[in-house]
PDB file of N, CA and C in Angstrom:
ATOM      1  N   PHE A   1      96.463  98.967  89.412  1.00  0.00           N
ATOM      2  CA  PHE A   1      95.436  99.186  88.870  1.00  0.00           C
ATOM      3  C   PHE A   1      94.666  98.301  88.944  1.00  0.00           C
ATOM      4  N   LEU A   2      95.156  96.827  90.064  1.00  0.00           N
ATOM      5  CA  LEU A   2      93.960  95.777  90.567  1.00  0.00           C
ATOM      6  C   LEU A   2      93.312  96.231  91.567  1.00  0.00           C
ATOM      7  N   CYS A   3      94.246  97.416  92.459  1.00  0.00           N
ATOM      8  CA  CYS A   3      92.853  97.776  93.623  1.00  0.00           C
ATOM      9  C   CYS A   3      92.523  99.184  92.706  1.00  0.00           C
ATOM     10  N   PHE A   4      92.751  99.791  92.363  1.00  0.00           N
ATOM     11  CA  PHE A   4      91.480 100.525  91.431  1.00  0.00           C
ATOM     12  C   PHE A   4      90.135  99.785  90.312  1.00  0.00           C
ATOM     13  N   SER A   5      90.703  98.808  89.812  1.00  0.00           N
ATOM     14  CA  SER A   5      89.192  98.299  89.220  1.00  0.00           C
ATOM     15  C   SER A   5      88.783  97.173  90.362  1.00  0.00           C
ATOM     16  N   PHE A   6      89.070  96.997  91.665  1.00  0.00           N
ATOM     17  CA  PHE A   6      88.517  96.192  92.508  1.00  0.00           C
ATOM     18  C   PHE A   6      87.464  97.525  93.693  1.00  0.00           C
ATOM     19  N   LEU A   7      88.517  98.601  93.268  1.00  0.00           N
ATOM     20  CA  LEU A   7      87.481  99.359  94.210  1.00  0.00           C
ATOM     21  C   LEU A   7      85.731 100.659  93.290  1.00  0.00           C
ATOM     22  N   ALA A   8      86.294 100.176  92.271  1.00  0.00           N
ATOM     23  CA  ALA A   8      85.102 100.785  91.180  1.00  0.00           C
ATOM     24  C   ALA A   8      84.549  99.756  90.890  1.00  0.00           C
ATOM     25  N   LEU A   9      84.561  98.645  91.452  1.00  0.00           N
ATOM     26  CA  LEU A   9      83.362  97.221  91.170  1.00  0.00           C
ATOM     27  C   LEU A   9      82.566  97.092  92.675  1.00  0.00           C
ATOM     28  N   ALA A  10      83.163  97.409  93.269  1.00  0.00           N
ATOM     29  CA  ALA A  10      82.664  97.242  95.110  1.00  0.00           C
ATOM     30  C   ALA A  10      82.185  98.574  95.606  1.00  0.00           C
ATOM     31  N   GLY A  11      82.163  99.685  94.890  1.00  0.00           N
ATOM     32  CA  GLY A  11      82.120 101.217  95.657  1.00  0.00           C
ATOM     33  C   GLY A  11      80.390 100.956  95.950  1.00  0.00           C
ATOM     34  N   PRO A  12      79.554 100.591  95.008  1.00  0.00           N
ATOM     35  CA  PRO A  12      78.545 100.569  95.153  1.00  0.00           C
ATOM     36  C   PRO A  12      77.830  99.890  96.305  1.00  0.00           C
ATOM     37  N   TRP A  13      78.204  98.769  97.044  1.00  0.00           N
ATOM     38  CA  TRP A  13      78.354  97.478  98.051  1.00  0.00           C
ATOM     39  C   TRP A  13      78.063  98.298  99.043  1.00  0.00           C
ATOM     40  N   ALA A  14      76.908  98.276  99.650  1.00  0.00           N
ATOM     41  CA  ALA A  14      77.094  99.105 101.600  1.00  0.00           C
ATOM     42  C   ALA A  14      77.452  98.006 102.394  1.00  0.00           C
ATOM     43  N   ASN A  15      77.677  98.341 103.243  1.00  0.00           N
ATOM     44  CA  ASN A  15      78.586  97.595 104.674  1.00  0.00           C
ATOM     45  C   ASN A  15      77.549  95.910 104.841  1.00  0.00           C
ATOM     46  N   ILE A  16      77.951  94.955 104.506  1.00  0.00           N
ATOM     47  CA  ILE A  16      77.364  93.892 104.381  1.00  0.00           C
ATOM     48  C   ILE A  16      77.787  93.145 105.915  1.00  0.00           C
ATOM     49  N   CYS A  17      78.166  93.418 106.462  1.00  0.00           N
ATOM     50  CA  CYS A  17      78.561  92.367 107.768  1.00  0.00           C
ATOM     51  C   CYS A  17      78.171  93.836 109.100  1.00  0.00           C
ATOM     52  N   ALA A  18      76.770  92.888 109.517  1.00  0.00           N
ATOM     53  CA  ALA A  18      76.506  93.786 111.008  1.00  0.00           C
ATOM     54  C   ALA A  18      77.952  93.564 111.700  1.00  0.00           C
ATOM     55  N   GLY A  19      78.070  94.721 112.460  1.00  0.00           N
ATOM     56  CA  GLY A  19      78.813  95.090 113.868  1.00  0.00           C
ATOM     57  C   GLY A  19      80.471  95.331 113.207  1.00  0.00           C
ATOM     58  N   LYS A  20      80.337  95.401 111.663  1.00  0.00           N
ATOM     59  CA  LYS A  20      81.280  95.846 111.081  1.00  0.00           C
ATOM     60  C   LYS A  20      80.967  97.622 110.983  1.00  0.00           C
ATOM     61  N   SER A  21      82.292  97.680 110.893  1.00  0.00           N
ATOM     62  CA  SER A  21      82.058  99.912 110.255  1.00  0.00           C
ATOM     63  C   SER A  21      82.431 100.036 108.634  1.00  0.00           C
ATOM     64  N   SER A  22      83.334  98.734 108.370  1.00  0.00           N
ATOM     65  CA  SER A  22      82.823  98.505 106.484  1.00  0.00           C
ATOM     66  C   SER A  22      83.454  97.576 106.724  1.00  0.00           C
ATOM     67  N   ASN A  23      83.290  97.069 104.931  1.00  0.00           N
ATOM     68  CA  ASN A  23      83.489  95.664 104.507  1.00  0.00           C
ATOM     69  C   ASN A  23      85.333  95.478 103.704  1.00  0.00           C
ATOM     70  N   GLU A  24      85.319  94.300 105.398  1.00  0.00           N
ATOM     71  CA  GLU A  24      86.771  94.045 105.045  1.00  0.00           C
ATOM     72  C   GLU A  24      86.873  92.653 103.873  1.00  0.00           C
ATOM     73  N   ILE A  25      87.675  92.816 103.066  1.00  0.00           N
ATOM     74  CA  ILE A  25      88.418  91.624 102.576  1.00  0.00           C
ATOM     75  C   ILE A  25      89.484  91.278 102.598  1.00  0.00           C
ATOM     76  N   ARG A  26      89.231  89.858 102.460  1.00  0.00           N
ATOM     77  CA  ARG A  26      89.834  88.354 103.489  1.00  0.00           C
ATOM     78  C   ARG A  26      91.828  88.835 102.896  1.00  0.00           C
ATOM     79  N   THR A  27      92.479  88.788 103.335  1.00  0.00           N
ATOM     80  CA  THR A  27      93.723  89.086 102.810  1.00  0.00           C
ATOM     81  C   THR A  27      94.301  87.351 101.754  1.00  0.00           C
ATOM     82  N   CYS A  28      95.509  87.100 102.113  1.00  0.00           N
ATOM     83  CA  CYS A  28      96.216  86.034 101.288  1.00  0.00           C
ATOM     84  C   CYS A  28      96.116  85.588 102.525  1.00  0.00           C
ATOM     85  N   ASP A  29      96.205  84.108 103.002  1.00  0.00           N
ATOM     86  CA  ASP A  29      96.703  83.133 103.554  1.00  0.00           C
ATOM     87  C   ASP A  29      96.197  81.345 102.978  1.00  0.00           C
ATOM     88  N   SER A  30      96.943  80.807 103.593  1.00  0.00           N
ATOM     89  CA  SER A  30      96.419  78.881 103.268  1.00  0.00           C
ATOM     90  C   SER A  30      96.473  78.739 101.873  1.00  0.00           C
ATOM     91  N   HIS A  31      94.326  79.369 102.132  1.00  0.00           N
ATOM     92  CA  HIS A  31      93.677  79.048 101.371  1.00  0.00           C
ATOM     93  C   HIS A  31      93.798  79.860  99.609  1.00  0.00           C
ATOM     94  N   GLY A  32      94.315  80.564 100.229  1.00  0.00           N
ATOM     95  CA  GLY A  32      94.626  81.093  98.482  1.00  0.00           C
ATOM     96  C   GLY A  32      94.703  83.511  98.822  1.00  0.00           C
ATOM     97  N   CYS A  33      93.886  84.103  98.308  1.00  0.00           N
ATOM     98  CA  CYS A  33      93.483  85.559  98.451  1.00  0.00           C
ATOM     99  C   CYS A  33      92.060  85.730  98.029  1.00  0.00           C
ATOM    100  N   GLY A  34      91.656  86.472  98.774  1.00  0.00           N
ATOM    101  CA  GLY A  34      90.065  87.140  98.642  1.00  0.00           C
ATOM    102  C   GLY A  34      90.094  88.242  98.076  1.00  0.00           C
ATOM    103  N   GLN A  35      90.744  88.984  97.413  1.00  0.00           N
ATOM    104  CA  GLN A  35      90.829  89.864  96.595  1.00  0.00           C
ATOM    105  C   GLN A  35      90.264  89.499  95.090  1.00  0.00           C
ATOM    106  N   TYR A  36      89.449  90.312  94.422  1.00  0.00           N
ATOM    107  CA  TYR A  36      88.791  90.308  92.838  1.00  0.00           C
ATOM    108  C   TYR A  36      90.046  89.809  92.107  1.00  0.00           C
ATOM    109  N   THR A  37      90.203  89.033  91.352  1.00  0.00           N
ATOM    110  CA  THR A  37      90.873  88.589  90.292  1.00  0.00           C
ATOM    111  C   THR A  37      92.152  88.201  90.699  1.00  0.00           C
ATOM    112  N   ALA A  38      92.263  87.728  92.245  1.00  0.00           N
ATOM    113  CA  ALA A  38      93.449  87.149  92.786  1.00  0.00           C
ATOM    114  C   ALA A  38      93.483  85.459  91.914  1.00  0.00           C
ATOM    115  N   GLN A  39      94.843  85.368  91.680  1.00  0.00           N
ATOM    116  CA  GLN A  39      94.876  83.636  91.585  1.00  0.00           C
ATOM    117  C   GLN A  39      94.254  82.510  92.225  1.00  0.00           C
ATOM    118  N   ARG A  40      93.160  81.945  91.938  1.00  0.00           N
ATOM    119  CA  ARG A  40      92.679  80.691  92.060  1.00  0.00           C
ATOM    120  C   ARG A  40      92.969  79.417  91.287  1.00  0.00           C
ATOM    121  N   ASN A  41      93.384  78.873  91.813  1.00  0.00           N
ATOM    122  CA  ASN A  41      93.579  76.895  90.856  1.00  0.00           C
ATOM    123  C   ASN A  41      93.911  77.374  89.323  1.00  0.00           C
ATOM    124  N   HIS A  42      94.769  78.532  89.011  1.00  0.00           N
ATOM    125  CA  HIS A  42      95.460  78.628  87.291  1.00  0.00           C
ATOM    126  C   HIS A  42      94.416  79.518  86.999  1.00  0.00           C
ATOM    127  N   ARG A  43      92.955  79.961  87.303  1.00  0.00           N
ATOM    128  CA  ARG A  43      92.473  80.965  86.930  1.00  0.00           C
ATOM    129  C   ARG A  43      92.315  82.442  87.886  1.00  0.00           C
ATOM    130  N   PRO A  44      91.246  83.064  87.442  1.00  0.00           N
ATOM    131  CA  PRO A  44      91.168  84.678  88.136  1.00  0.00           C
ATOM    132  C   PRO A  44      89.922  84.605  89.312  1.00  0.00           C
ATOM    133  N   HIS A  45      90.150  84.749  90.485  1.00  0.00           N
ATOM    134  CA  HIS A  45      88.438  84.647  91.450  1.00  0.00           C
ATOM    135  C   HIS A  45      88.005  85.987  90.821  1.00  0.00           C
ATOM    136  N   GLN A  46      86.611  85.372  90.476  1.00  0.00           N
ATOM    137  CA  GLN A  46      85.640  86.258  90.030  1.00  0.00           C
ATOM    138  C   GLN A  46      84.961  86.651  91.633  1.00  0.00           C
ATOM    139  N   GLY A  47      85.172  86.680  92.353  1.00  0.00           N
ATOM    140  CA  GLY A  47      84.326  87.208  93.405  1.00  0.00           C
ATOM    141  C   GLY A  47      85.328  88.291  94.537  1.00  0.00           C
ATOM    142  N   VAL A  48      84.416  88.017  95.608  1.00  0.00           N
ATOM    143  CA  VAL A  48      85.427  89.137  96.268  1.00  0.00           C
ATOM    144  C   VAL A  48      85.320  88.791  97.926  1.00  0.00           C
ATOM    145  N   ASP A  49      86.274  87.956  98.788  1.00  0.00           N
ATOM    146  CA  ASP A  49      85.622  87.550 100.240  1.00  0.00           C
ATOM    147  C   ASP A  49      86.060  88.979 101.234  1.00  0.00           C
ATOM    148  N   VAL A  50      84.753  88.740 101.985  1.00  0.00           N
ATOM    149  CA  VAL A  50      84.496  89.493 102.983  1.00  0.00           C
ATOM    150  C   VAL A  50      84.418  88.911 104.226  1.00  0.00           C
ATOM    151  N   LEU A  51      84.846  89.776 105.061  1.00  0.00           N
ATOM    152  CA  LEU A  51      84.994  88.664 106.112  1.00  0.00           C
ATOM    153  C   LEU A  51      83.881  88.945 107.521  1.00  0.00           C
ATOM    154  N   CYS A  52      83.641  88.283 108.095  1.00  0.00           N
ATOM    155  CA  CYS A  52      82.559  88.575 108.833  1.00  0.00           C
ATOM    156  C   CYS A  52      82.630  87.155 110.321  1.00  0.00           C
ATOM    157  N   SER A  53      82.284  88.082 111.183  1.00  0.00           N
ATOM    158  CA  SER A  53      82.300  87.156 111.927  1.00  0.00           C
ATOM    159  C   SER A  53      80.849  86.088 112.130  1.00  0.00           C
ATOM    160  N   ASP A  54      81.693  84.870 112.627  1.00  0.00           N
ATOM    161  CA  ASP A  54      80.999  83.739 113.168  1.00  0.00           C
ATOM    162  C   ASP A  54      79.496  84.199 113.449  1.00  0.00           C
ATOM    163  N   GLY A  55      78.421  83.718 112.787  1.00  0.00           N
ATOM    164  CA  GLY A  55      77.026  84.189 113.268  1.00  0.00           C
ATOM    165  C   GLY A  55      76.821  85.880 113.334  1.00  0.00           C
ATOM    166  N   ALA A  56      77.620  86.163 112.535  1.00  0.00           N
ATOM    167  CA  ALA A  56      76.886  87.535 112.430  1.00  0.00           C
ATOM    168  C   ALA A  56      76.056  87.810 111.241  1.00  0.00           C
ATOM    169  N   THR A  57      75.423  88.432 111.320  1.00  0.00           N
ATOM    170  CA  THR A  57      74.085  89.064 110.490  1.00  0.00           C
ATOM    171  C   THR A  57      74.525  89.523 109.264  1.00  0.00           C
ATOM    172  N   VAL A  58      74.678  88.738 108.131  1.00  0.00           N
ATOM    173  CA  VAL A  58      74.988  89.477 106.264  1.00  0.00           C
ATOM    174  C   VAL A  58      73.844  89.887 106.132  1.00  0.00           C
ATOM    175  N   TYR A  59      74.374  91.241 105.518  1.00  0.00           N
ATOM    176  CA  TYR A  59      72.964  92.183 104.855  1.00  0.00           C
ATOM    177  C   TYR A  59      73.263  91.878 103.112  1.00  0.00           C
ATOM    178  N   ALA A  60      71.898  91.842 102.290  1.00  0.00           N
ATOM    179  CA  ALA A  60      72.433  91.821 100.633  1.00  0.00           C
ATOM    180  C   ALA A  60      73.198  93.254 100.828  1.00  0.00           C
ATOM    181  N   PRO A  61      74.054  92.981  99.420  1.00  0.00           N
ATOM    182  CA  PRO A  61      75.138  94.034  99.108  1.00  0.00           C
ATOM    183  C   PRO A  61      74.105  95.020  98.277  1.00  0.00           C
ATOM    184  N   PHE A  62      72.881  95.157  97.611  1.00  0.00           N
ATOM    185  CA  PHE A  62      72.414  95.877  97.138  1.00  0.00           C
ATOM    186  C   PHE A  62      70.583  95.626  97.428  1.00  0.00           C
ATOM    187  N   THR A  63      70.130  95.868  96.781  1.00  0.00           N
ATOM    188  CA  THR A  63      68.479  96.191  97.098  1.00  0.00           C
ATOM    189  C   THR A  63      68.347  94.959  95.815  1.00  0.00           C
ATOM    190  N   GLY A  64      67.547  94.057  96.003  1.00  0.00           N
ATOM    191  CA  GLY A  64      66.925  92.780  94.825  1.00  0.00           C
ATOM    192  C   GLY A  64      66.683  91.545  95.124  1.00  0.00           C
ATOM    193  N   MET A  65      66.172  90.639  94.851  1.00  0.00           N
ATOM    194  CA  MET A  65      65.190  89.552  94.816  1.00  0.00           C
ATOM    195  C   MET A  65      66.318  88.005  94.832  1.00  0.00           C
ATOM    196  N   ILE A  66      65.831  87.932  96.213  1.00  0.00           N
ATOM    197  CA  ILE A  66      66.953  85.985  96.208  1.00  0.00           C
ATOM    198  C   ILE A  66      66.044  84.960  95.292  1.00  0.00           C
ATOM    199  N   VAL A  67      66.941  85.147  94.175  1.00  0.00           N
ATOM    200  CA  VAL A  67      66.353  84.033  93.151  1.00  0.00           C
ATOM    201  C   VAL A  67      66.573  82.372  92.958  1.00  0.00           C
ATOM    202  N   GLY A  68      67.289  82.309  93.766  1.00  0.00           N
ATOM    203  CA  GLY A  68      67.971  80.671  93.802  1.00  0.00           C
ATOM    204  C   GLY A  68      68.695  80.228  94.909  1.00  0.00           C
ATOM    205  N   GLN A  69      69.041  78.959  95.577  1.00  0.00           N
ATOM    206  CA  GLN A  69      69.820  78.549  96.669  1.00  0.00           C
ATOM    207  C   GLN A  69      70.819  78.643  95.092  1.00  0.00           C
ATOM    208  N   GLU A  70      72.380  78.813  95.935  1.00  0.00           N
ATOM    209  CA  GLU A  70      73.954  78.847  95.333  1.00  0.00           C
ATOM    210  C   GLU A  70      74.628  77.487  95.931  1.00  0.00           C
ATOM    211  N   LYS A  71      74.877  76.689  95.162  1.00  0.00           N
ATOM    212  CA  LYS A  71      76.251  75.566  95.418  1.00  0.00           C
ATOM    213  C   LYS A  71      77.246  75.449  94.438  1.00  0.00           C
ATOM    214  N   PRO A  72      78.078  76.593  94.367  1.00  0.00           N
ATOM    215  CA  PRO A  72      79.032  76.818  93.333  1.00  0.00           C
ATOM    216  C   PRO A  72      80.148  75.281  93.787  1.00  0.00           C
ATOM    217  N   TYR A  73      80.198  74.650  94.548  1.00  0.00           N
ATOM    218  CA  TYR A  73      81.688  73.356  94.542  1.00  0.00           C
ATOM    219  C   TYR A  73      81.139  72.383  94.656  1.00  0.00           C
ATOM    220  N   LYS A  74      81.321  71.470  94.239  1.00  0.00           N
ATOM    221  CA  LYS A  74      80.930  69.576  93.840  1.00  0.00           C
ATOM    222  C   LYS A  74      81.157  69.290  95.534  1.00  0.00           C
ATOM    223  N   ASN A  75      81.974  69.496  95.788  1.00  0.00           N
ATOM    224  CA  ASN A  75      81.795  68.968  97.485  1.00  0.00           C
ATOM    225  C   ASN A  75      81.203  69.291  98.472  1.00  0.00           C
ATOM    226  N   LYS A  76      81.249  68.883  99.651  1.00  0.00           N
ATOM    227  CA  LYS A  76      80.009  69.423 100.751  1.00  0.00           C
ATOM    228  C   LYS A  76      80.902  70.133 101.486  1.00  0.00           C
ATOM    229  N   ASN A  77      81.807  71.068 101.204  1.00  0.00           N
ATOM    230  CA  ASN A  77      82.509  71.962 101.747  1.00  0.00           C
ATOM    231  C   ASN A  77      81.524  72.951 102.148  1.00  0.00           C
ATOM    232  N   ALA A  78      81.921  73.523 103.928  1.00  0.00           N
ATOM    233  CA  ALA A  78      81.210  74.232 104.670  1.00  0.00           C
ATOM    234  C   ALA A  78      80.838  75.706 104.141  1.00  0.00           C
ATOM    235  N   ILE A  79      81.999  76.019 103.222  1.00  0.00           N
ATOM    236  CA  ILE A  79      81.391  77.322 102.787  1.00  0.00           C
ATOM    237  C   ILE A  79      80.594  77.567 100.954  1.00  0.00           C
ATOM    238  N   ASN A  80      79.380  75.610 101.369  1.00  0.00           N
ATOM    239  CA  ASN A  80      78.940  75.692  99.435  1.00  0.00           C
ATOM    240  C   ASN A  80      77.839  76.099 100.215  1.00  0.00           C
ATOM    241  N   ASN A  81      77.306  76.884 100.515  1.00  0.00           N
ATOM    242  CA  ASN A  81      75.926  77.523 100.917  1.00  0.00           C
ATOM    243  C   ASN A  81      75.583  78.928 100.225  1.00  0.00           C
ATOM    244  N   GLY A  82      74.881  79.152  99.911  1.00  0.00           N
ATOM    245  CA  GLY A  82      74.236  80.524  99.719  1.00  0.00           C
ATOM    246  C   GLY A  82      73.264  80.849  98.837  1.00  0.00           C
ATOM    247  N   VAL A  83      73.173  82.153  98.234  1.00  0.00           N
ATOM    248  CA  VAL A  83      71.652  82.483  98.051  1.00  0.00           C
ATOM    249  C   VAL A  83      72.260  83.092  96.548  1.00  0.00           C
ATOM    250  N   ARG A  84      71.588  83.498  95.400  1.00  0.00           N
ATOM    251  CA  ARG A  84      71.862  83.833  94.584  1.00  0.00           C
ATOM    252  C   ARG A  84      70.919  85.208  94.432  1.00  0.00           C
ATOM    253  N   ILE A  85      71.486  86.136  94.269  1.00  0.00           N
ATOM    254  CA  ILE A  85      70.602  87.655  94.485  1.00  0.00           C
ATOM    255  C   ILE A  85      70.567  88.634  92.758  1.00  0.00           C
ATOM    256  N   SER A  86      69.322  88.737  92.669  1.00  0.00           N
ATOM    257  CA  SER A  86      69.020  89.420  91.223  1.00  0.00           C
ATOM    258  C   SER A  86      68.976  90.854  91.659  1.00  0.00           C
ATOM    259  N   GLY A  87      69.076  92.082  90.864  1.00  0.00           N
ATOM    260  CA  GLY A  87      69.028  93.148  90.932  1.00  0.00           C
ATOM    261  C   GLY A  87      68.745  94.072  89.737  1.00  0.00           C
ATOM    262  N   ARG A  88      68.903  95.189  89.760  1.00  0.00           N
ATOM    263  CA  ARG A  88      68.671  96.406  89.236  1.00  0.00           C
ATOM    264  C   ARG A  88      69.531  96.834  88.539  1.00  0.00           C
ATOM    265  N   GLY A  89      70.238  95.459  87.257  1.00  0.00           N
ATOM    266  CA  GLY A  89      71.572  95.061  86.387  1.00  0.00           C
ATOM    267  C   GLY A  89      72.000  95.196  87.402  1.00  0.00           C
ATOM    268  N   LYS A  90      72.051  93.965  88.325  1.00  0.00           N
ATOM    269  CA  LYS A  90      73.106  93.559  88.637  1.00  0.00           C
ATOM    270  C   LYS A  90      72.638  91.642  89.366  1.00  0.00           C
ATOM    271  N   ARG A  91      73.541  91.433  89.603  1.00  0.00           N
ATOM    272  CA  ARG A  91      73.203  89.848  89.859  1.00  0.00           C
ATOM    273  C   ARG A  91      74.584  89.040  90.437  1.00  0.00           C
ATOM    274  N   CYS A  92      74.278  88.361  91.535  1.00  0.00           N
ATOM    275  CA  CYS A  92      75.529  88.502  92.441  1.00  0.00           C
ATOM    276  C   CYS A  92      75.233  87.106  93.400  1.00  0.00           C
ATOM    277  N   CYS A  93      76.247  86.284  93.289  1.00  0.00           N
ATOM    278  CA  CYS A  93      75.980  85.063  94.565  1.00  0.00           C
ATOM    279  C   CYS A  93      76.490  85.292  95.373  1.00  0.00           C
ATOM    280  N   ILE A  94      75.825  85.282  96.907  1.00  0.00           N
ATOM    281  CA  ILE A  94      76.514  85.220  98.340  1.00  0.00           C
ATOM    282  C   ILE A  94      76.643  84.298  98.835  1.00  0.00           C
ATOM    283  N   HIS A  95      77.830  83.847  99.205  1.00  0.00           N
ATOM    284  CA  HIS A  95      78.412  82.201  99.351  1.00  0.00           C
ATOM    285  C   HIS A  95      78.360  82.478 101.416  1.00  0.00           C
ATOM    286  N   LEU A  96      77.856  81.410 101.549  1.00  0.00           N
ATOM    287  CA  LEU A  96      77.716  81.869 103.220  1.00  0.00           C
ATOM    288  C   LEU A  96      78.523  80.629 103.800  1.00  0.00           C
TER     289      LEU A  96
END
């Protein structure tokens, strides 16, 4: 069921990592799991972690406009730098 829900949610996304033929979702490791609704600190993960090579060009997942900077974490985490994209009927935060 989760896989089906995830595929339905991720379906309209184009490939977002240059040099990869498809979006690869991060599996589970010591930091948690990368799939949508995976448990993160006693709450479901509301995003999807897509693996890209260091230094790779990252494309927007859909046509839209960058509407702001996103810093979702309160600390100076290396992954605490992203953009907020708003598109037709969609809103997304991309953490880089």
